[in-house]
């Protein structure tokens, strides 16, 4: 069975939210609380990323519908939208897997 090969997409085209640089790795607790007051929490970043994946999927569905109904004039645009949605979904699933693995590792730690 042949394997499915996906074209490489530059990371700059994925429209990921930019994260603030780390100010330090240790020391005072003020730097930890400062990260929480920047306005974007980790949960907010995840929510925004999920919304972008959902929007990309909806756009690809619309492009596919336009192509099937004959409203689209360019097949390349529809295929590109579907591939972009596929890559963003795969990336979201990889992030989910890493988060679950990290959660399991933390839960197995001895106190």
PDB file of N, CA and C in Angstrom:
ATOM      1  N   UNK A   1       0.841  -1.172   0.000  1.00  0.00           N
ATOM      2  CA  UNK A   1       0.000   0.000   0.000  1.00  0.00           C
ATOM      3  C   UNK A   1       0.892   1.243   0.000  1.00  0.00           C
ATOM      4  N   UNK A   2       0.743   2.124  -0.984  1.00  0.00           N
ATOM      5  CA  UNK A   2       1.588   3.322  -1.012  1.00  0.00           C
ATOM      6  C   UNK A   2       1.197   4.282   0.102  1.00  0.00           C
ATOM      7  N   UNK A   3       2.194   4.974   0.600  1.00  0.00           N
ATOM      8  CA  UNK A   3       1.942   5.948   1.660  1.00  0.00           C
ATOM      9  C   UNK A   3       1.544   7.278   1.051  1.00  0.00           C
ATOM     10  N   UNK A   4       0.755   8.015   1.783  1.00  0.00           N
ATOM     11  CA  UNK A   4       0.289   9.327   1.342  1.00  0.00           C
ATOM     12  C   UNK A   4       1.375  10.360   1.621  1.00  0.00           C
ATOM     13  N   UNK A   5       1.754  11.109   0.607  1.00  0.00           N
ATOM     14  CA  UNK A   5       2.806  12.106   0.749  1.00  0.00           C
ATOM     15  C   UNK A   5       2.173  13.489   0.694  1.00  0.00           C
ATOM     16  N   UNK A   6       2.478  14.311   1.685  1.00  0.00           N
ATOM     17  CA  UNK A   6       1.949  15.663   1.743  1.00  0.00           C
ATOM     18  C   UNK A   6       3.058  16.649   1.385  1.00  0.00           C
ATOM     19  N   UNK A   7       2.724  17.683   0.633  1.00  0.00           N
ATOM     20  CA  UNK A   7       3.749  18.682   0.325  1.00  0.00           C
ATOM     21  C   UNK A   7       4.138  19.455   1.574  1.00  0.00           C
ATOM     22  N   UNK A   8       5.370  19.903   1.612  1.00  0.00           N
ATOM     23  CA  UNK A   8       5.862  20.666   2.748  1.00  0.00           C
ATOM     24  C   UNK A   8       5.298  22.087   2.689  1.00  0.00           C
ATOM     25  N   UNK A   9       4.761  22.541   3.796  1.00  0.00           N
ATOM     26  CA  UNK A   9       4.206  23.885   3.897  1.00  0.00           C
ATOM     27  C   UNK A   9       5.085  24.669   4.856  1.00  0.00           C
ATOM     28  N   UNK A  10       5.583  25.836   4.443  1.00  0.00           N
ATOM     29  CA  UNK A  10       6.401  26.625   5.364  1.00  0.00           C
ATOM     30  C   UNK A  10       5.599  27.004   6.610  1.00  0.00           C
ATOM     31  N   UNK A  11       6.254  26.996   7.756  1.00  0.00           N
ATOM     32  CA  UNK A  11       5.573  27.318   9.005  1.00  0.00           C
ATOM     33  C   UNK A  11       5.055  28.744   9.028  1.00  0.00           C
ATOM     34  N   UNK A  12       5.656  29.622   8.240  1.00  0.00           N
ATOM     35  CA  UNK A  12       5.198  31.006   8.233  1.00  0.00           C
ATOM     36  C   UNK A  12       3.812  31.139   7.607  1.00  0.00           C
ATOM     37  N   UNK A  13       3.348  30.140   6.861  1.00  0.00           N
ATOM     38  CA  UNK A  13       2.039  30.197   6.219  1.00  0.00           C
ATOM     39  C   UNK A  13       0.921  29.647   7.089  1.00  0.00           C
ATOM     40  N   UNK A  14       1.212  29.159   8.282  1.00  0.00           N
ATOM     41  CA  UNK A  14       0.203  28.531   9.119  1.00  0.00           C
ATOM     42  C   UNK A  14      -0.567  29.507   9.992  1.00  0.00           C
ATOM     43  N   UNK A  15      -0.189  30.768  10.039  1.00  0.00           N
ATOM     44  CA  UNK A  15      -0.879  31.795  10.815  1.00  0.00           C
ATOM     45  C   UNK A  15      -1.020  31.417  12.283  1.00  0.00           C
ATOM     46  N   UNK A  16       0.077  31.013  12.892  1.00  0.00           N
ATOM     47  CA  UNK A  16       0.071  30.681  14.308  1.00  0.00           C
ATOM     48  C   UNK A  16       0.226  31.944  15.143  1.00  0.00           C
ATOM     49  N   UNK A  17      -0.413  31.983  16.313  1.00  0.00           N
ATOM     50  CA  UNK A  17      -0.240  33.169  17.158  1.00  0.00           C
ATOM     51  C   UNK A  17       1.187  33.233  17.678  1.00  0.00           C
ATOM     52  N   UNK A  18       1.719  34.447  17.731  1.00  0.00           N
ATOM     53  CA  UNK A  18       3.091  34.588  18.224  1.00  0.00           C
ATOM     54  C   UNK A  18       3.085  34.571  19.747  1.00  0.00           C
ATOM     55  N   UNK A  19       4.056  33.887  20.297  1.00  0.00           N
ATOM     56  CA  UNK A  19       4.175  33.780  21.747  1.00  0.00           C
ATOM     57  C   UNK A  19       5.204  34.784  22.246  1.00  0.00           C
ATOM     58  N   UNK A  20       4.999  35.353  23.431  1.00  0.00           N
ATOM     59  CA  UNK A  20       5.982  36.290  23.965  1.00  0.00           C
ATOM     60  C   UNK A  20       7.254  35.550  24.329  1.00  0.00           C
ATOM     61  N   UNK A  21       8.404  36.210  24.238  1.00  0.00           N
ATOM     62  CA  UNK A  21       9.657  35.543  24.592  1.00  0.00           C
ATOM     63  C   UNK A  21       9.719  35.270  26.086  1.00  0.00           C
ATOM     64  N   UNK A  22      10.470  34.238  26.445  1.00  0.00           N
ATOM     65  CA  UNK A  22      10.648  33.905  27.855  1.00  0.00           C
ATOM     66  C   UNK A  22      11.549  34.933  28.505  1.00  0.00           C
ATOM     67  N   UNK A  23      11.143  35.427  29.666  1.00  0.00           N
ATOM     68  CA  UNK A  23      11.935  36.457  30.329  1.00  0.00           C
ATOM     69  C   UNK A  23      13.001  35.863  31.238  1.00  0.00           C
ATOM     70  N   UNK A  24      12.834  34.637  31.648  1.00  0.00           N
ATOM     71  CA  UNK A  24      13.805  34.002  32.535  1.00  0.00           C
ATOM     72  C   UNK A  24      13.337  32.611  32.891  1.00  0.00           C
ATOM     73  N   UNK A  25      14.255  31.807  33.351  1.00  0.00           N
ATOM     74  CA  UNK A  25      13.884  30.431  33.678  1.00  0.00           C
ATOM     75  C   UNK A  25      13.732  30.195  35.161  1.00  0.00           C
ATOM     76  N   UNK A  26      14.103  31.097  35.964  1.00  0.00           N
ATOM     77  CA  UNK A  26      13.983  30.886  37.409  1.00  0.00           C
ATOM     78  C   UNK A  26      13.990  32.207  38.124  1.00  0.00           C
ATOM     79  N   UNK A  27      14.167  32.129  39.414  1.00  0.00           N
ATOM     80  CA  UNK A  27      14.270  33.359  40.179  1.00  0.00           C
ATOM     81  C   UNK A  27      12.962  33.725  40.832  1.00  0.00           C
ATOM     82  N   UNK A  28      12.589  34.986  40.721  1.00  0.00           N
ATOM     83  CA  UNK A  28      11.447  35.510  41.457  1.00  0.00           C
ATOM     84  C   UNK A  28      10.129  35.028  40.874  1.00  0.00           C
ATOM     85  N   UNK A  29       9.124  35.017  41.708  1.00  0.00           N
ATOM     86  CA  UNK A  29       7.783  34.643  41.274  1.00  0.00           C
ATOM     87  C   UNK A  29       7.110  35.754  40.501  1.00  0.00           C
ATOM     88  N   UNK A  30       7.684  36.949  40.499  1.00  0.00           N
ATOM     89  CA  UNK A  30       7.081  38.063  39.780  1.00  0.00           C
ATOM     90  C   UNK A  30       7.065  37.819  38.288  1.00  0.00           C
ATOM     91  N   UNK A  31       8.102  37.161  37.754  1.00  0.00           N
ATOM     92  CA  UNK A  31       8.125  36.917  36.320  1.00  0.00           C
ATOM     93  C   UNK A  31       7.046  35.919  35.934  1.00  0.00           C
ATOM     94  N   UNK A  32       6.706  34.970  36.797  1.00  0.00           N
ATOM     95  CA  UNK A  32       5.650  34.011  36.496  1.00  0.00           C
ATOM     96  C   UNK A  32       4.287  34.687  36.495  1.00  0.00           C
ATOM     97  N   UNK A  33       4.055  35.571  37.461  1.00  0.00           N
ATOM     98  CA  UNK A  33       2.768  36.249  37.490  1.00  0.00           C
ATOM     99  C   UNK A  33       2.663  37.295  36.393  1.00  0.00           C
ATOM    100  N   UNK A  34       3.781  37.817  35.931  1.00  0.00           N
ATOM    101  CA  UNK A  34       3.767  38.794  34.852  1.00  0.00           C
ATOM    102  C   UNK A  34       3.252  38.148  33.566  1.00  0.00           C
ATOM    103  N   UNK A  35       3.609  36.882  33.298  1.00  0.00           N
ATOM    104  CA  UNK A  35       3.150  36.193  32.105  1.00  0.00           C
ATOM    105  C   UNK A  35       1.640  36.012  32.107  1.00  0.00           C
ATOM    106  N   UNK A  36       1.055  35.852  33.290  1.00  0.00           N
ATOM    107  CA  UNK A  36      -0.389  35.663  33.375  1.00  0.00           C
ATOM    108  C   UNK A  36      -1.152  36.963  33.163  1.00  0.00           C
ATOM    109  N   UNK A  37      -0.516  38.117  33.374  1.00  0.00           N
ATOM    110  CA  UNK A  37      -1.206  39.388  33.229  1.00  0.00           C
ATOM    111  C   UNK A  37      -1.010  40.012  31.858  1.00  0.00           C
ATOM    112  N   UNK A  38      -0.351  39.297  30.929  1.00  0.00           N
ATOM    113  CA  UNK A  38      -0.144  39.840  29.589  1.00  0.00           C
ATOM    114  C   UNK A  38      -1.434  39.878  28.785  1.00  0.00           C
ATOM    115  N   UNK A  39      -2.493  39.252  29.258  1.00  0.00           N
ATOM    116  CA  UNK A  39      -3.765  39.292  28.558  1.00  0.00           C
ATOM    117  C   UNK A  39      -4.092  38.007  27.825  1.00  0.00           C
ATOM    118  N   UNK A  40      -3.107  37.171  27.542  1.00  0.00           N
ATOM    119  CA  UNK A  40      -3.385  35.918  26.864  1.00  0.00           C
ATOM    120  C   UNK A  40      -2.896  34.760  27.724  1.00  0.00           C
ATOM    121  N   UNK A  41      -3.820  33.919  28.106  1.00  0.00           N
ATOM    122  CA  UNK A  41      -3.453  32.737  28.879  1.00  0.00           C
ATOM    123  C   UNK A  41      -3.264  31.564  27.927  1.00  0.00           C
ATOM    124  N   UNK A  42      -2.749  30.484  28.450  1.00  0.00           N
ATOM    125  CA  UNK A  42      -2.543  29.288  27.638  1.00  0.00           C
ATOM    126  C   UNK A  42      -3.869  28.777  27.091  1.00  0.00           C
ATOM    127  N   UNK A  43      -4.894  28.807  27.915  1.00  0.00           N
ATOM    128  CA  UNK A  43      -6.222  28.382  27.471  1.00  0.00           C
ATOM    129  C   UNK A  43      -6.749  29.244  26.339  1.00  0.00           C
ATOM    130  N   UNK A  44      -6.506  30.569  26.441  1.00  0.00           N
ATOM    131  CA  UNK A  44      -6.938  31.472  25.373  1.00  0.00           C
ATOM    132  C   UNK A  44      -6.209  31.186  24.071  1.00  0.00           C
ATOM    133  N   UNK A  45      -4.907  30.882  24.171  1.00  0.00           N
ATOM    134  CA  UNK A  45      -4.145  30.549  22.965  1.00  0.00           C
ATOM    135  C   UNK A  45      -4.658  29.271  22.318  1.00  0.00           C
ATOM    136  N   UNK A  46      -4.977  28.270  23.144  1.00  0.00           N
ATOM    137  CA  UNK A  46      -5.535  27.031  22.604  1.00  0.00           C
ATOM    138  C   UNK A  46      -6.892  27.264  21.957  1.00  0.00           C
ATOM    139  N   UNK A  47      -7.706  28.065  22.612  1.00  0.00           N
ATOM    140  CA  UNK A  47      -9.032  28.367  22.070  1.00  0.00           C
ATOM    141  C   UNK A  47      -8.915  29.079  20.724  1.00  0.00           C
ATOM    142  N   UNK A  48      -8.003  30.045  20.634  1.00  0.00           N
ATOM    143  CA  UNK A  48      -7.797  30.781  19.391  1.00  0.00           C
ATOM    144  C   UNK A  48      -7.287  29.844  18.289  1.00  0.00           C
ATOM    145  N   UNK A  49      -6.367  28.947  18.640  1.00  0.00           N
ATOM    146  CA  UNK A  49      -5.840  28.006  17.647  1.00  0.00           C
ATOM    147  C   UNK A  49      -6.942  27.072  17.152  1.00  0.00           C
ATOM    148  N   UNK A  50      -7.798  26.599  18.049  1.00  0.00           N
ATOM    149  CA  UNK A  50      -8.903  25.736  17.640  1.00  0.00           C
ATOM    150  C   UNK A  50      -9.893  26.472  16.748  1.00  0.00           C
ATOM    151  N   UNK A  51     -10.134  27.738  17.046  1.00  0.00           N
ATOM    152  CA  UNK A  51     -11.031  28.529  16.205  1.00  0.00           C
ATOM    153  C   UNK A  51     -10.448  28.723  14.810  1.00  0.00           C
ATOM    154  N   UNK A  52      -9.128  28.905  14.731  1.00  0.00           N
ATOM    155  CA  UNK A  52      -8.490  29.064  13.425  1.00  0.00           C
ATOM    156  C   UNK A  52      -8.537  27.760  12.627  1.00  0.00           C
ATOM    157  N   UNK A  53      -8.351  26.628  13.306  1.00  0.00           N
ATOM    158  CA  UNK A  53      -8.453  25.333  12.623  1.00  0.00           C
ATOM    159  C   UNK A  53      -9.881  25.130  12.125  1.00  0.00           C
ATOM    160  N   UNK A  54     -10.858  25.486  12.948  1.00  0.00           N
ATOM    161  CA  UNK A  54     -12.254  25.362  12.553  1.00  0.00           C
ATOM    162  C   UNK A  54     -12.577  26.266  11.368  1.00  0.00           C
ATOM    163  N   UNK A  55     -12.074  27.487  11.394  1.00  0.00           N
ATOM    164  CA  UNK A  55     -12.316  28.420  10.287  1.00  0.00           C
ATOM    165  C   UNK A  55     -11.661  27.925   9.000  1.00  0.00           C
ATOM    166  N   UNK A  56     -10.478  27.350   9.113  1.00  0.00           N
ATOM    167  CA  UNK A  56      -9.795  26.806   7.937  1.00  0.00           C
ATOM    168  C   UNK A  56     -10.583  25.643   7.360  1.00  0.00           C
ATOM    169  N   UNK A  57     -11.122  24.786   8.228  1.00  0.00           N
ATOM    170  CA  UNK A  57     -11.947  23.671   7.772  1.00  0.00           C
ATOM    171  C   UNK A  57     -13.221  24.140   7.099  1.00  0.00           C
ATOM    172  N   UNK A  58     -13.855  25.158   7.666  1.00  0.00           N
ATOM    173  CA  UNK A  58     -15.080  25.698   7.063  1.00  0.00           C
ATOM    174  C   UNK A  58     -14.796  26.326   5.703  1.00  0.00           C
ATOM    175  N   UNK A  59     -13.663  27.022   5.597  1.00  0.00           N
ATOM    176  CA  UNK A  59     -13.297  27.633   4.312  1.00  0.00           C
ATOM    177  C   UNK A  59     -13.022  26.563   3.263  1.00  0.00           C
ATOM    178  N   UNK A  60     -12.383  25.469   3.665  1.00  0.00           N
ATOM    179  CA  UNK A  60     -12.105  24.407   2.693  1.00  0.00           C
ATOM    180  C   UNK A  60     -13.396  23.726   2.255  1.00  0.00           C
ATOM    181  N   UNK A  61     -14.344  23.545   3.182  1.00  0.00           N
ATOM    182  CA  UNK A  61     -15.642  22.970   2.810  1.00  0.00           C
ATOM    183  C   UNK A  61     -16.369  23.867   1.809  1.00  0.00           C
ATOM    184  N   UNK A  62     -16.310  25.171   2.046  1.00  0.00           N
ATOM    185  CA  UNK A  62     -16.973  26.115   1.135  1.00  0.00           C
ATOM    186  C   UNK A  62     -16.313  26.087  -0.241  1.00  0.00           C
ATOM    187  N   UNK A  63     -14.995  26.018  -0.278  1.00  0.00           N
ATOM    188  CA  UNK A  63     -14.281  25.944  -1.564  1.00  0.00           C
ATOM    189  C   UNK A  63     -14.650  24.662  -2.301  1.00  0.00           C
ATOM    190  N   UNK A  64     -14.752  23.549  -1.562  1.00  0.00           N
ATOM    191  CA  UNK A  64     -15.133  22.280  -2.186  1.00  0.00           C
ATOM    192  C   UNK A  64     -16.563  22.350  -2.723  1.00  0.00           C
ATOM    193  N   UNK A  65     -17.474  22.951  -1.965  1.00  0.00           N
ATOM    194  CA  UNK A  65     -18.862  23.113  -2.434  1.00  0.00           C
ATOM    195  C   UNK A  65     -18.911  23.978  -3.686  1.00  0.00           C
ATOM    196  N   UNK A  66     -18.133  25.058  -3.687  1.00  0.00           N
ATOM    197  CA  UNK A  66     -18.097  25.928  -4.862  1.00  0.00           C
ATOM    198  C   UNK A  66     -17.565  25.180  -6.080  1.00  0.00           C
ATOM    199  N   UNK A  67     -16.572  24.351  -5.870  1.00  0.00           N
ATOM    200  CA  UNK A  67     -15.989  23.583  -6.972  1.00  0.00           C
ATOM    201  C   UNK A  67     -16.991  22.567  -7.512  1.00  0.00           C
ATOM    202  N   UNK A  68     -17.704  21.884  -6.613  1.00  0.00           N
ATOM    203  CA  UNK A  68     -18.683  20.880  -7.040  1.00  0.00           C
ATOM    204  C   UNK A  68     -19.862  21.535  -7.755  1.00  0.00           C
ATOM    205  N   UNK A  69     -20.318  22.672  -7.258  1.00  0.00           N
ATOM    206  CA  UNK A  69     -21.478  23.330  -7.861  1.00  0.00           C
ATOM    207  C   UNK A  69     -21.132  24.088  -9.137  1.00  0.00           C
ATOM    208  N   UNK A  70     -19.845  24.253  -9.401  1.00  0.00           N
ATOM    209  CA  UNK A  70     -19.442  24.952 -10.620  1.00  0.00           C
ATOM    210  C   UNK A  70     -19.241  26.439 -10.424  1.00  0.00           C
ATOM    211  N   UNK A  71     -19.371  26.926  -9.205  1.00  0.00           N
ATOM    212  CA  UNK A  71     -19.181  28.357  -8.942  1.00  0.00           C
ATOM    213  C   UNK A  71     -17.713  28.756  -8.928  1.00  0.00           C
ATOM    214  N   UNK A  72     -16.832  27.819  -8.626  1.00  0.00           N
ATOM    215  CA  UNK A  72     -15.400  28.131  -8.571  1.00  0.00           C
ATOM    216  C   UNK A  72     -14.808  27.987  -9.970  1.00  0.00           C
ATOM    217  N   UNK A  73     -13.924  28.877 -10.297  1.00  0.00           N
ATOM    218  CA  UNK A  73     -13.277  28.807 -11.601  1.00  0.00           C
ATOM    219  C   UNK A  73     -11.896  28.197 -11.515  1.00  0.00           C
ATOM    220  N   UNK A  74     -11.345  28.110 -10.305  1.00  0.00           N
ATOM    221  CA  UNK A  74      -9.981  27.629 -10.141  1.00  0.00           C
ATOM    222  C   UNK A  74      -9.951  26.416  -9.220  1.00  0.00           C
ATOM    223  N   UNK A  75      -9.625  25.264  -9.757  1.00  0.00           N
ATOM    224  CA  UNK A  75      -9.546  24.033  -8.970  1.00  0.00           C
ATOM    225  C   UNK A  75      -8.363  24.080  -8.011  1.00  0.00           C
ATOM    226  N   UNK A  76      -7.305  24.767  -8.410  1.00  0.00           N
ATOM    227  CA  UNK A  76      -6.096  24.850  -7.588  1.00  0.00           C
ATOM    228  C   UNK A  76      -6.397  25.485  -6.229  1.00  0.00           C
ATOM    229  N   UNK A  77      -7.220  26.510  -6.214  1.00  0.00           N
ATOM    230  CA  UNK A  77      -7.568  27.193  -4.963  1.00  0.00           C
ATOM    231  C   UNK A  77      -8.320  26.253  -4.026  1.00  0.00           C
ATOM    232  N   UNK A  78      -9.234  25.477  -4.562  1.00  0.00           N
ATOM    233  CA  UNK A  78      -9.999  24.541  -3.735  1.00  0.00           C
ATOM    234  C   UNK A  78      -9.099  23.452  -3.166  1.00  0.00           C
ATOM    235  N   UNK A  79      -8.218  22.910  -3.985  1.00  0.00           N
ATOM    236  CA  UNK A  79      -7.314  21.864  -3.516  1.00  0.00           C
ATOM    237  C   UNK A  79      -6.372  22.420  -2.463  1.00  0.00           C
ATOM    238  N   UNK A  80      -5.887  23.622  -2.670  1.00  0.00           N
ATOM    239  CA  UNK A  80      -4.996  24.260  -1.695  1.00  0.00           C
ATOM    240  C   UNK A  80      -5.704  24.490  -0.363  1.00  0.00           C
ATOM    241  N   UNK A  81      -6.963  24.900  -0.400  1.00  0.00           N
ATOM    242  CA  UNK A  81      -7.718  25.129   0.833  1.00  0.00           C
ATOM    243  C   UNK A  81      -7.929  23.825   1.592  1.00  0.00           C
ATOM    244  N   UNK A  82      -8.212  22.744   0.879  1.00  0.00           N
ATOM    245  CA  UNK A  82      -8.409  21.447   1.527  1.00  0.00           C
ATOM    246  C   UNK A  82      -7.098  20.957   2.138  1.00  0.00           C
ATOM    247  N   UNK A  83      -5.993  21.122   1.426  1.00  0.00           N
ATOM    248  CA  UNK A  83      -4.693  20.695   1.956  1.00  0.00           C
ATOM    249  C   UNK A  83      -4.301  21.515   3.185  1.00  0.00           C
ATOM    250  N   UNK A  84      -4.583  22.804   3.155  1.00  0.00           N
ATOM    251  CA  UNK A  84      -4.272  23.664   4.302  1.00  0.00           C
ATOM    252  C   UNK A  84      -5.087  23.237   5.524  1.00  0.00           C
ATOM    253  N   UNK A  85      -6.363  22.904   5.305  1.00  0.00           N
ATOM    254  CA  UNK A  85      -7.206  22.439   6.408  1.00  0.00           C
ATOM    255  C   UNK A  85      -6.693  21.107   6.946  1.00  0.00           C
ATOM    256  N   UNK A  86      -6.243  20.231   6.058  1.00  0.00           N
ATOM    257  CA  UNK A  86      -5.721  18.936   6.478  1.00  0.00           C
ATOM    258  C   UNK A  86      -4.455  19.100   7.316  1.00  0.00           C
ATOM    259  N   UNK A  87      -3.558  19.950   6.881  1.00  0.00           N
ATOM    260  CA  UNK A  87      -2.306  20.172   7.618  1.00  0.00           C
ATOM    261  C   UNK A  87      -2.586  20.810   8.979  1.00  0.00           C
ATOM    262  N   UNK A  88      -3.487  21.774   9.021  1.00  0.00           N
ATOM    263  CA  UNK A  88      -3.788  22.423  10.301  1.00  0.00           C
ATOM    264  C   UNK A  88      -4.467  21.442  11.253  1.00  0.00           C
ATOM    265  N   UNK A  89      -5.322  20.549  10.729  1.00  0.00           N
ATOM    266  CA  UNK A  89      -5.954  19.543  11.579  1.00  0.00           C
ATOM    267  C   UNK A  89      -4.926  18.549  12.105  1.00  0.00           C
ATOM    268  N   UNK A  90      -4.010  18.122  11.251  1.00  0.00           N
ATOM    269  CA  UNK A  90      -2.960  17.205  11.693  1.00  0.00           C
ATOM    270  C   UNK A  90      -2.089  17.850  12.769  1.00  0.00           C
ATOM    271  N   UNK A  91      -1.793  19.129  12.607  1.00  0.00           N
ATOM    272  CA  UNK A  91      -0.988  19.819  13.604  1.00  0.00           C
ATOM    273  C   UNK A  91      -1.746  19.941  14.925  1.00  0.00           C
ATOM    274  N   UNK A  92      -3.046  20.219  14.848  1.00  0.00           N
ATOM    275  CA  UNK A  92      -3.848  20.303  16.056  1.00  0.00           C
ATOM    276  C   UNK A  92      -3.866  18.951  16.780  1.00  0.00           C
ATOM    277  N   UNK A  93      -3.975  17.864  16.042  1.00  0.00           N
ATOM    278  CA  UNK A  93      -3.982  16.536  16.653  1.00  0.00           C
ATOM    279  C   UNK A  93      -2.626  16.206  17.274  1.00  0.00           C
ATOM    280  N   UNK A  94      -1.543  16.652  16.659  1.00  0.00           N
ATOM    281  CA  UNK A  94      -0.213  16.427  17.225  1.00  0.00           C
ATOM    282  C   UNK A  94      -0.048  17.206  18.527  1.00  0.00           C
ATOM    283  N   UNK A  95      -0.536  18.432  18.564  1.00  0.00           N
ATOM    284  CA  UNK A  95      -0.469  19.238  19.790  1.00  0.00           C
ATOM    285  C   UNK A  95      -1.319  18.590  20.881  1.00  0.00           C
ATOM    286  N   UNK A  96      -2.496  18.102  20.520  1.00  0.00           N
ATOM    287  CA  UNK A  96      -3.358  17.420  21.491  1.00  0.00           C
ATOM    288  C   UNK A  96      -2.655  16.189  22.071  1.00  0.00           C
ATOM    289  N   UNK A  97      -2.008  15.426  21.206  1.00  0.00           N
ATOM    290  CA  UNK A  97      -1.302  14.234  21.674  1.00  0.00           C
ATOM    291  C   UNK A  97      -0.176  14.598  22.638  1.00  0.00           C
ATOM    292  N   UNK A  98       0.559  15.666  22.322  1.00  0.00           N
ATOM    293  CA  UNK A  98       1.645  16.104  23.208  1.00  0.00           C
ATOM    294  C   UNK A  98       1.089  16.588  24.544  1.00  0.00           C
ATOM    295  N   UNK A  99      -0.036  17.291  24.528  1.00  0.00           N
ATOM    296  CA  UNK A  99      -0.642  17.757  25.775  1.00  0.00           C
ATOM    297  C   UNK A  99      -1.108  16.582  26.636  1.00  0.00           C
ATOM    298  N   UNK A 100      -1.704  15.578  26.005  1.00  0.00           N
ATOM    299  CA  UNK A 100      -2.151  14.401  26.753  1.00  0.00           C
ATOM    300  C   UNK A 100      -0.952  13.666  27.332  1.00  0.00           C
ATOM    301  N   UNK A 101       0.128  13.529  26.554  1.00  0.00           N
ATOM    302  CA  UNK A 101       1.338  12.874  27.055  1.00  0.00           C
ATOM    303  C   UNK A 101       1.935  13.641  28.234  1.00  0.00           C
ATOM    304  N   UNK A 102       1.950  14.966  28.133  1.00  0.00           N
ATOM    305  CA  UNK A 102       2.487  15.782  29.228  1.00  0.00           C
ATOM    306  C   UNK A 102       1.616  15.646  30.473  1.00  0.00           C
ATOM    307  N   UNK A 103       0.312  15.619  30.297  1.00  0.00           N
ATOM    308  CA  UNK A 103      -0.605  15.452  31.427  1.00  0.00           C
ATOM    309  C   UNK A 103      -0.362  14.110  32.110  1.00  0.00           C
ATOM    310  N   UNK A 104      -0.232  13.061  31.303  1.00  0.00           N
ATOM    311  CA  UNK A 104       0.024  11.735  31.872  1.00  0.00           C
ATOM    312  C   UNK A 104       1.351  11.688  32.625  1.00  0.00           C
ATOM    313  N   UNK A 105       2.366  12.346  32.077  1.00  0.00           N
ATOM    314  CA  UNK A 105       3.674  12.368  32.736  1.00  0.00           C
ATOM    315  C   UNK A 105       3.592  13.090  34.071  1.00  0.00           C
ATOM    316  N   UNK A 106       2.853  14.194  34.123  1.00  0.00           N
ATOM    317  CA  UNK A 106       2.700  14.942  35.373  1.00  0.00           C
ATOM    318  C   UNK A 106       1.915  14.124  36.386  1.00  0.00           C
ATOM    319  N   UNK A 107       0.893  13.422  35.929  1.00  0.00           N
ATOM    320  CA  UNK A 107       0.078  12.625  36.848  1.00  0.00           C
ATOM    321  C   UNK A 107       0.837  11.442  37.421  1.00  0.00           C
ATOM    322  N   UNK A 108       1.868  10.964  36.707  1.00  0.00           N
ATOM    323  CA  UNK A 108       2.647   9.826  37.189  1.00  0.00           C
ATOM    324  C   UNK A 108       3.807  10.234  38.088  1.00  0.00           C
ATOM    325  N   UNK A 109       4.033  11.536  38.231  1.00  0.00           N
ATOM    326  CA  UNK A 109       5.129  11.999  39.080  1.00  0.00           C
ATOM    327  C   UNK A 109       4.856  11.697  40.544  1.00  0.00           C
ATOM    328  N   UNK A 110       5.927  11.341  41.256  1.00  0.00           N
ATOM    329  CA  UNK A 110       5.815  11.096  42.689  1.00  0.00           C
ATOM    330  C   UNK A 110       5.913  12.414  43.434  1.00  0.00           C
ATOM    331  N   UNK A 111       5.115  12.548  44.481  1.00  0.00           N
ATOM    332  CA  UNK A 111       5.164  13.775  45.267  1.00  0.00           C
ATOM    333  C   UNK A 111       5.877  13.531  46.560  1.00  0.00           C
TER     334      UNK A 111
END
